[in-house]
Amino acid sequence: MTTRVLAAAGDRFFPLEFQRRVTRDRLGIDIDQVPGGHLVALSRPVDLVNGLIEYLP
């Protein structure tokens, strides 16, 4: 199974560049992003689900 990271572009608690740096440093991969903030599941659920659906084989 491949590890993937999906991050909200407007997250002010964990800014996108912070998430990108940690993901590269620890996993050696880049992140995928969706619009939204820290609580993306509440503010942009459709965008989150569409991002996750792209991961399906």
PDB file of N, CA and C in Angstrom:
ATOM      1  N   MET A   1       0.846  -1.174   0.000  1.00  0.00           N
ATOM      2  CA  MET A   1       0.000   0.000   0.000  1.00  0.00           C
ATOM      3  C   MET A   1       0.894   1.240   0.000  1.00  0.00           C
ATOM      4  N   THR A   2       0.543   2.213  -0.807  1.00  0.00           N
ATOM      5  CA  THR A   2       1.292   3.455  -0.928  1.00  0.00           C
ATOM      6  C   THR A   2       0.821   4.463   0.112  1.00  0.00           C
ATOM      7  N   THR A   3       1.753   5.158   0.731  1.00  0.00           N
ATOM      8  CA  THR A   3       1.409   6.216   1.674  1.00  0.00           C
ATOM      9  C   THR A   3       1.181   7.504   0.905  1.00  0.00           C
ATOM     10  N   ARG A   4       0.085   8.177   1.213  1.00  0.00           N
ATOM     11  CA  ARG A   4      -0.251   9.465   0.591  1.00  0.00           C
ATOM     12  C   ARG A   4      -0.634  10.436   1.700  1.00  0.00           C
ATOM     13  N   VAL A   5      -0.456  11.715   1.454  1.00  0.00           N
ATOM     14  CA  VAL A   5      -0.816  12.755   2.413  1.00  0.00           C
ATOM     15  C   VAL A   5      -1.706  13.765   1.712  1.00  0.00           C
ATOM     16  N   LEU A   6      -2.869  14.014   2.297  1.00  0.00           N
ATOM     17  CA  LEU A   6      -3.826  14.978   1.770  1.00  0.00           C
ATOM     18  C   LEU A   6      -3.953  16.103   2.793  1.00  0.00           C
ATOM     19  N   ALA A   7      -3.645  17.329   2.403  1.00  0.00           N
ATOM     20  CA  ALA A   7      -3.647  18.458   3.325  1.00  0.00           C
ATOM     21  C   ALA A   7      -4.557  19.563   2.821  1.00  0.00           C
ATOM     22  N   ALA A   8      -5.123  20.302   3.760  1.00  0.00           N
ATOM     23  CA  ALA A   8      -5.970  21.441   3.417  1.00  0.00           C
ATOM     24  C   ALA A   8      -5.104  22.668   3.152  1.00  0.00           C
ATOM     25  N   ALA A   9      -5.315  23.290   2.021  1.00  0.00           N
ATOM     26  CA  ALA A   9      -4.472  24.405   1.589  1.00  0.00           C
ATOM     27  C   ALA A   9      -4.549  25.614   2.510  1.00  0.00           C
ATOM     28  N   GLY A  10      -5.686  25.841   3.136  1.00  0.00           N
ATOM     29  CA  GLY A  10      -5.859  27.030   3.974  1.00  0.00           C
ATOM     30  C   GLY A  10      -5.734  26.773   5.459  1.00  0.00           C
ATOM     31  N   ASP A  11      -5.143  25.668   5.851  1.00  0.00           N
ATOM     32  CA  ASP A  11      -5.002  25.337   7.270  1.00  0.00           C
ATOM     33  C   ASP A  11      -4.049  26.323   7.936  1.00  0.00           C
ATOM     34  N   ARG A  12      -4.555  27.103   8.898  1.00  0.00           N
ATOM     35  CA  ARG A  12      -3.702  28.070   9.590  1.00  0.00           C
ATOM     36  C   ARG A  12      -3.066  27.469  10.837  1.00  0.00           C
ATOM     37  N   PHE A  13      -3.585  26.351  11.337  1.00  0.00           N
ATOM     38  CA  PHE A  13      -2.999  25.693  12.504  1.00  0.00           C
ATOM     39  C   PHE A  13      -1.752  24.909  12.110  1.00  0.00           C
ATOM     40  N   PHE A  14      -1.852  24.173  11.008  1.00  0.00           N
ATOM     41  CA  PHE A  14      -0.712  23.467  10.409  1.00  0.00           C
ATOM     42  C   PHE A  14      -0.580  23.970   8.970  1.00  0.00           C
ATOM     43  N   PRO A  15       0.117  25.097   8.768  1.00  0.00           N
ATOM     44  CA  PRO A  15       0.209  25.691   7.425  1.00  0.00           C
ATOM     45  C   PRO A  15       0.727  24.697   6.385  1.00  0.00           C
ATOM     46  N   LEU A  16       0.293  24.912   5.170  1.00  0.00           N
ATOM     47  CA  LEU A  16       0.614  24.002   4.075  1.00  0.00           C
ATOM     48  C   LEU A  16       2.118  23.785   3.928  1.00  0.00           C
ATOM     49  N   GLU A  17       2.896  24.852   4.003  1.00  0.00           N
ATOM     50  CA  GLU A  17       4.347  24.697   3.848  1.00  0.00           C
ATOM     51  C   GLU A  17       4.961  23.891   4.989  1.00  0.00           C
ATOM     52  N   PHE A  18       4.430  24.009   6.194  1.00  0.00           N
ATOM     53  CA  PHE A  18       4.888  23.189   7.317  1.00  0.00           C
ATOM     54  C   PHE A  18       4.579  21.712   7.041  1.00  0.00           C
ATOM     55  N   GLN A  19       3.354  21.437   6.604  1.00  0.00           N
ATOM     56  CA  GLN A  19       2.972  20.057   6.305  1.00  0.00           C
ATOM     57  C   GLN A  19       3.815  19.487   5.163  1.00  0.00           C
ATOM     58  N   ARG A  20       4.058  20.326   4.166  1.00  0.00           N
ATOM     59  CA  ARG A  20       4.869  19.895   3.025  1.00  0.00           C
ATOM     60  C   ARG A  20       6.293  19.533   3.482  1.00  0.00           C
ATOM     61  N   ARG A  21       6.890  20.396   4.320  1.00  0.00           N
ATOM     62  CA  ARG A  21       8.256  20.162   4.799  1.00  0.00           C
ATOM     63  C   ARG A  21       8.344  18.898   5.661  1.00  0.00           C
ATOM     64  N   VAL A  22       7.414  18.731   6.583  1.00  0.00           N
ATOM     65  CA  VAL A  22       7.424  17.549   7.456  1.00  0.00           C
ATOM     66  C   VAL A  22       7.225  16.277   6.639  1.00  0.00           C
ATOM     67  N   THR A  23       6.321  16.323   5.679  1.00  0.00           N
ATOM     68  CA  THR A  23       6.060  15.143   4.846  1.00  0.00           C
ATOM     69  C   THR A  23       7.283  14.770   4.022  1.00  0.00           C
ATOM     70  N   ARG A  24       7.936  15.764   3.440  1.00  0.00           N
ATOM     71  CA  ARG A  24       9.156  15.475   2.661  1.00  0.00           C
ATOM     72  C   ARG A  24      10.264  14.931   3.552  1.00  0.00           C
ATOM     73  N   ASP A  25      10.468  15.568   4.719  1.00  0.00           N
ATOM     74  CA  ASP A  25      11.535  15.150   5.626  1.00  0.00           C
ATOM     75  C   ASP A  25      11.318  13.745   6.173  1.00  0.00           C
ATOM     76  N   ARG A  26      10.097  13.428   6.536  1.00  0.00           N
ATOM     77  CA  ARG A  26       9.822  12.149   7.206  1.00  0.00           C
ATOM     78  C   ARG A  26       9.444  11.021   6.271  1.00  0.00           C
ATOM     79  N   LEU A  27       8.775  11.352   5.170  1.00  0.00           N
ATOM     80  CA  LEU A  27       8.293  10.299   4.270  1.00  0.00           C
ATOM     81  C   LEU A  27       8.943  10.335   2.895  1.00  0.00           C
ATOM     82  N   GLY A  28       9.562  11.461   2.561  1.00  0.00           N
ATOM     83  CA  GLY A  28      10.194  11.574   1.258  1.00  0.00           C
ATOM     84  C   GLY A  28       9.216  11.709   0.111  1.00  0.00           C
ATOM     85  N   ILE A  29       8.008  12.181   0.399  1.00  0.00           N
ATOM     86  CA  ILE A  29       6.996  12.356  -0.640  1.00  0.00           C
ATOM     87  C   ILE A  29       6.431  13.772  -0.564  1.00  0.00           C
ATOM     88  N   ASP A  30       5.695  14.166  -1.589  1.00  0.00           N
ATOM     89  CA  ASP A  30       5.024  15.452  -1.581  1.00  0.00           C
ATOM     90  C   ASP A  30       3.572  15.244  -1.178  1.00  0.00           C
ATOM     91  N   ILE A  31       2.914  16.328  -0.784  1.00  0.00           N
ATOM     92  CA  ILE A  31       1.516  16.236  -0.369  1.00  0.00           C
ATOM     93  C   ILE A  31       0.592  16.525  -1.528  1.00  0.00           C
ATOM     94  N   ASP A  32      -0.627  16.060  -1.398  1.00  0.00           N
ATOM     95  CA  ASP A  32      -1.718  16.459  -2.269  1.00  0.00           C
ATOM     96  C   ASP A  32      -2.545  17.434  -1.444  1.00  0.00           C
ATOM     97  N   GLN A  33      -3.176  18.382  -2.096  1.00  0.00           N
ATOM     98  CA  GLN A  33      -3.921  19.370  -1.329  1.00  0.00           C
ATOM     99  C   GLN A  33      -5.337  19.540  -1.826  1.00  0.00           C
ATOM    100  N   VAL A  34      -6.192  19.926  -0.894  1.00  0.00           N
ATOM    101  CA  VAL A  34      -7.582  20.255  -1.186  1.00  0.00           C
ATOM    102  C   VAL A  34      -7.848  21.636  -0.591  1.00  0.00           C
ATOM    103  N   PRO A  35      -8.834  22.359  -1.105  1.00  0.00           N
ATOM    104  CA  PRO A  35      -9.160  23.645  -0.505  1.00  0.00           C
ATOM    105  C   PRO A  35      -9.781  23.440   0.875  1.00  0.00           C
ATOM    106  N   GLY A  36      -9.619  24.416   1.730  1.00  0.00           N
ATOM    107  CA  GLY A  36     -10.228  24.339   3.053  1.00  0.00           C
ATOM    108  C   GLY A  36      -9.252  24.702   4.139  1.00  0.00           C
ATOM    109  N   GLY A  37      -9.749  24.716   5.357  1.00  0.00           N
ATOM    110  CA  GLY A  37      -8.944  25.073   6.513  1.00  0.00           C
ATOM    111  C   GLY A  37      -8.673  23.880   7.405  1.00  0.00           C
ATOM    112  N   HIS A  38      -8.399  24.161   8.676  1.00  0.00           N
ATOM    113  CA  HIS A  38      -7.995  23.119   9.616  1.00  0.00           C
ATOM    114  C   HIS A  38      -9.068  22.043   9.788  1.00  0.00           C
ATOM    115  N   LEU A  39     -10.317  22.421   9.802  1.00  0.00           N
ATOM    116  CA  LEU A  39     -11.409  21.447   9.941  1.00  0.00           C
ATOM    117  C   LEU A  39     -12.062  21.202   8.586  1.00  0.00           C
ATOM    118  N   VAL A  40     -11.247  20.750   7.657  1.00  0.00           N
ATOM    119  CA  VAL A  40     -11.703  20.570   6.275  1.00  0.00           C
ATOM    120  C   VAL A  40     -12.878  19.600   6.177  1.00  0.00           C
ATOM    121  N   ALA A  41     -12.966  18.638   7.052  1.00  0.00           N
ATOM    122  CA  ALA A  41     -14.078  17.686   7.012  1.00  0.00           C
ATOM    123  C   ALA A  41     -15.409  18.373   7.320  1.00  0.00           C
ATOM    124  N   LEU A  42     -15.354  19.470   8.068  1.00  0.00           N
ATOM    125  CA  LEU A  42     -16.579  20.212   8.366  1.00  0.00           C
ATOM    126  C   LEU A  42     -16.844  21.334   7.367  1.00  0.00           C
ATOM    127  N   SER A  43     -15.784  22.006   6.936  1.00  0.00           N
ATOM    128  CA  SER A  43     -15.971  23.170   6.074  1.00  0.00           C
ATOM    129  C   SER A  43     -16.060  22.825   4.594  1.00  0.00           C
ATOM    130  N   ARG A  44     -15.370  21.801   4.160  1.00  0.00           N
ATOM    131  CA  ARG A  44     -15.335  21.439   2.731  1.00  0.00           C
ATOM    132  C   ARG A  44     -15.413  19.920   2.563  1.00  0.00           C
ATOM    133  N   PRO A  45     -16.465  19.283   3.072  1.00  0.00           N
ATOM    134  CA  PRO A  45     -16.516  17.814   3.033  1.00  0.00           C
ATOM    135  C   PRO A  45     -16.498  17.229   1.619  1.00  0.00           C
ATOM    136  N   VAL A  46     -17.137  17.889   0.680  1.00  0.00           N
ATOM    137  CA  VAL A  46     -17.183  17.369  -0.691  1.00  0.00           C
ATOM    138  C   VAL A  46     -15.783  17.389  -1.311  1.00  0.00           C
ATOM    139  N   ASP A  47     -15.048  18.483  -1.097  1.00  0.00           N
ATOM    140  CA  ASP A  47     -13.684  18.563  -1.624  1.00  0.00           C
ATOM    141  C   ASP A  47     -12.792  17.503  -0.996  1.00  0.00           C
ATOM    142  N   LEU A  48     -12.961  17.270   0.295  1.00  0.00           N
ATOM    143  CA  LEU A  48     -12.173  16.248   0.979  1.00  0.00           C
ATOM    144  C   LEU A  48     -12.483  14.863   0.417  1.00  0.00           C
ATOM    145  N   VAL A  49     -13.748  14.551   0.289  1.00  0.00           N
ATOM    146  CA  VAL A  49     -14.134  13.236  -0.240  1.00  0.00           C
ATOM    147  C   VAL A  49     -13.648  13.056  -1.668  1.00  0.00           C
ATOM    148  N   ASN A  50     -13.771  14.094  -2.484  1.00  0.00           N
ATOM    149  CA  ASN A  50     -13.278  13.989  -3.862  1.00  0.00           C
ATOM    150  C   ASN A  50     -11.771  13.751  -3.894  1.00  0.00           C
ATOM    151  N   GLY A  51     -11.043  14.406  -2.985  1.00  0.00           N
ATOM    152  CA  GLY A  51      -9.593  14.167  -2.896  1.00  0.00           C
ATOM    153  C   GLY A  51      -9.280  12.745  -2.490  1.00  0.00           C
ATOM    154  N   LEU A  52     -10.052  12.213  -1.557  1.00  0.00           N
ATOM    155  CA  LEU A  52      -9.824  10.835  -1.102  1.00  0.00           C
ATOM    156  C   LEU A  52     -10.212   9.818  -2.173  1.00  0.00           C
ATOM    157  N   ILE A  53     -11.259  10.109  -2.904  1.00  0.00           N
ATOM    158  CA  ILE A  53     -11.693   9.198  -3.974  1.00  0.00           C
ATOM    159  C   ILE A  53     -10.597   9.018  -5.025  1.00  0.00           C
ATOM    160  N   GLU A  54      -9.830  10.079  -5.257  1.00  0.00           N
ATOM    161  CA  GLU A  54      -8.734   9.965  -6.228  1.00  0.00           C
ATOM    162  C   GLU A  54      -7.696   8.930  -5.829  1.00  0.00           C
ATOM    163  N   TYR A  55      -7.651   8.570  -4.552  1.00  0.00           N
ATOM    164  CA  TYR A  55      -6.684   7.582  -4.076  1.00  0.00           C
ATOM    165  C   TYR A  55      -7.133   6.145  -4.329  1.00  0.00           C
ATOM    166  N   LEU A  56      -8.400   5.956  -4.643  1.00  0.00           N
ATOM    167  CA  LEU A  56      -8.892   4.599  -4.869  1.00  0.00           C
ATOM    168  C   LEU A  56      -8.231   3.992  -6.104  1.00  0.00           C
ATOM    169  N   PRO A  57      -7.929   2.701  -6.026  1.00  0.00           N
ATOM    170  CA  PRO A  57      -7.291   2.047  -7.181  1.00  0.00           C
ATOM    171  C   PRO A  57      -8.245   1.915  -8.361  1.00  0.00           C
TER     172      PRO A  57
END
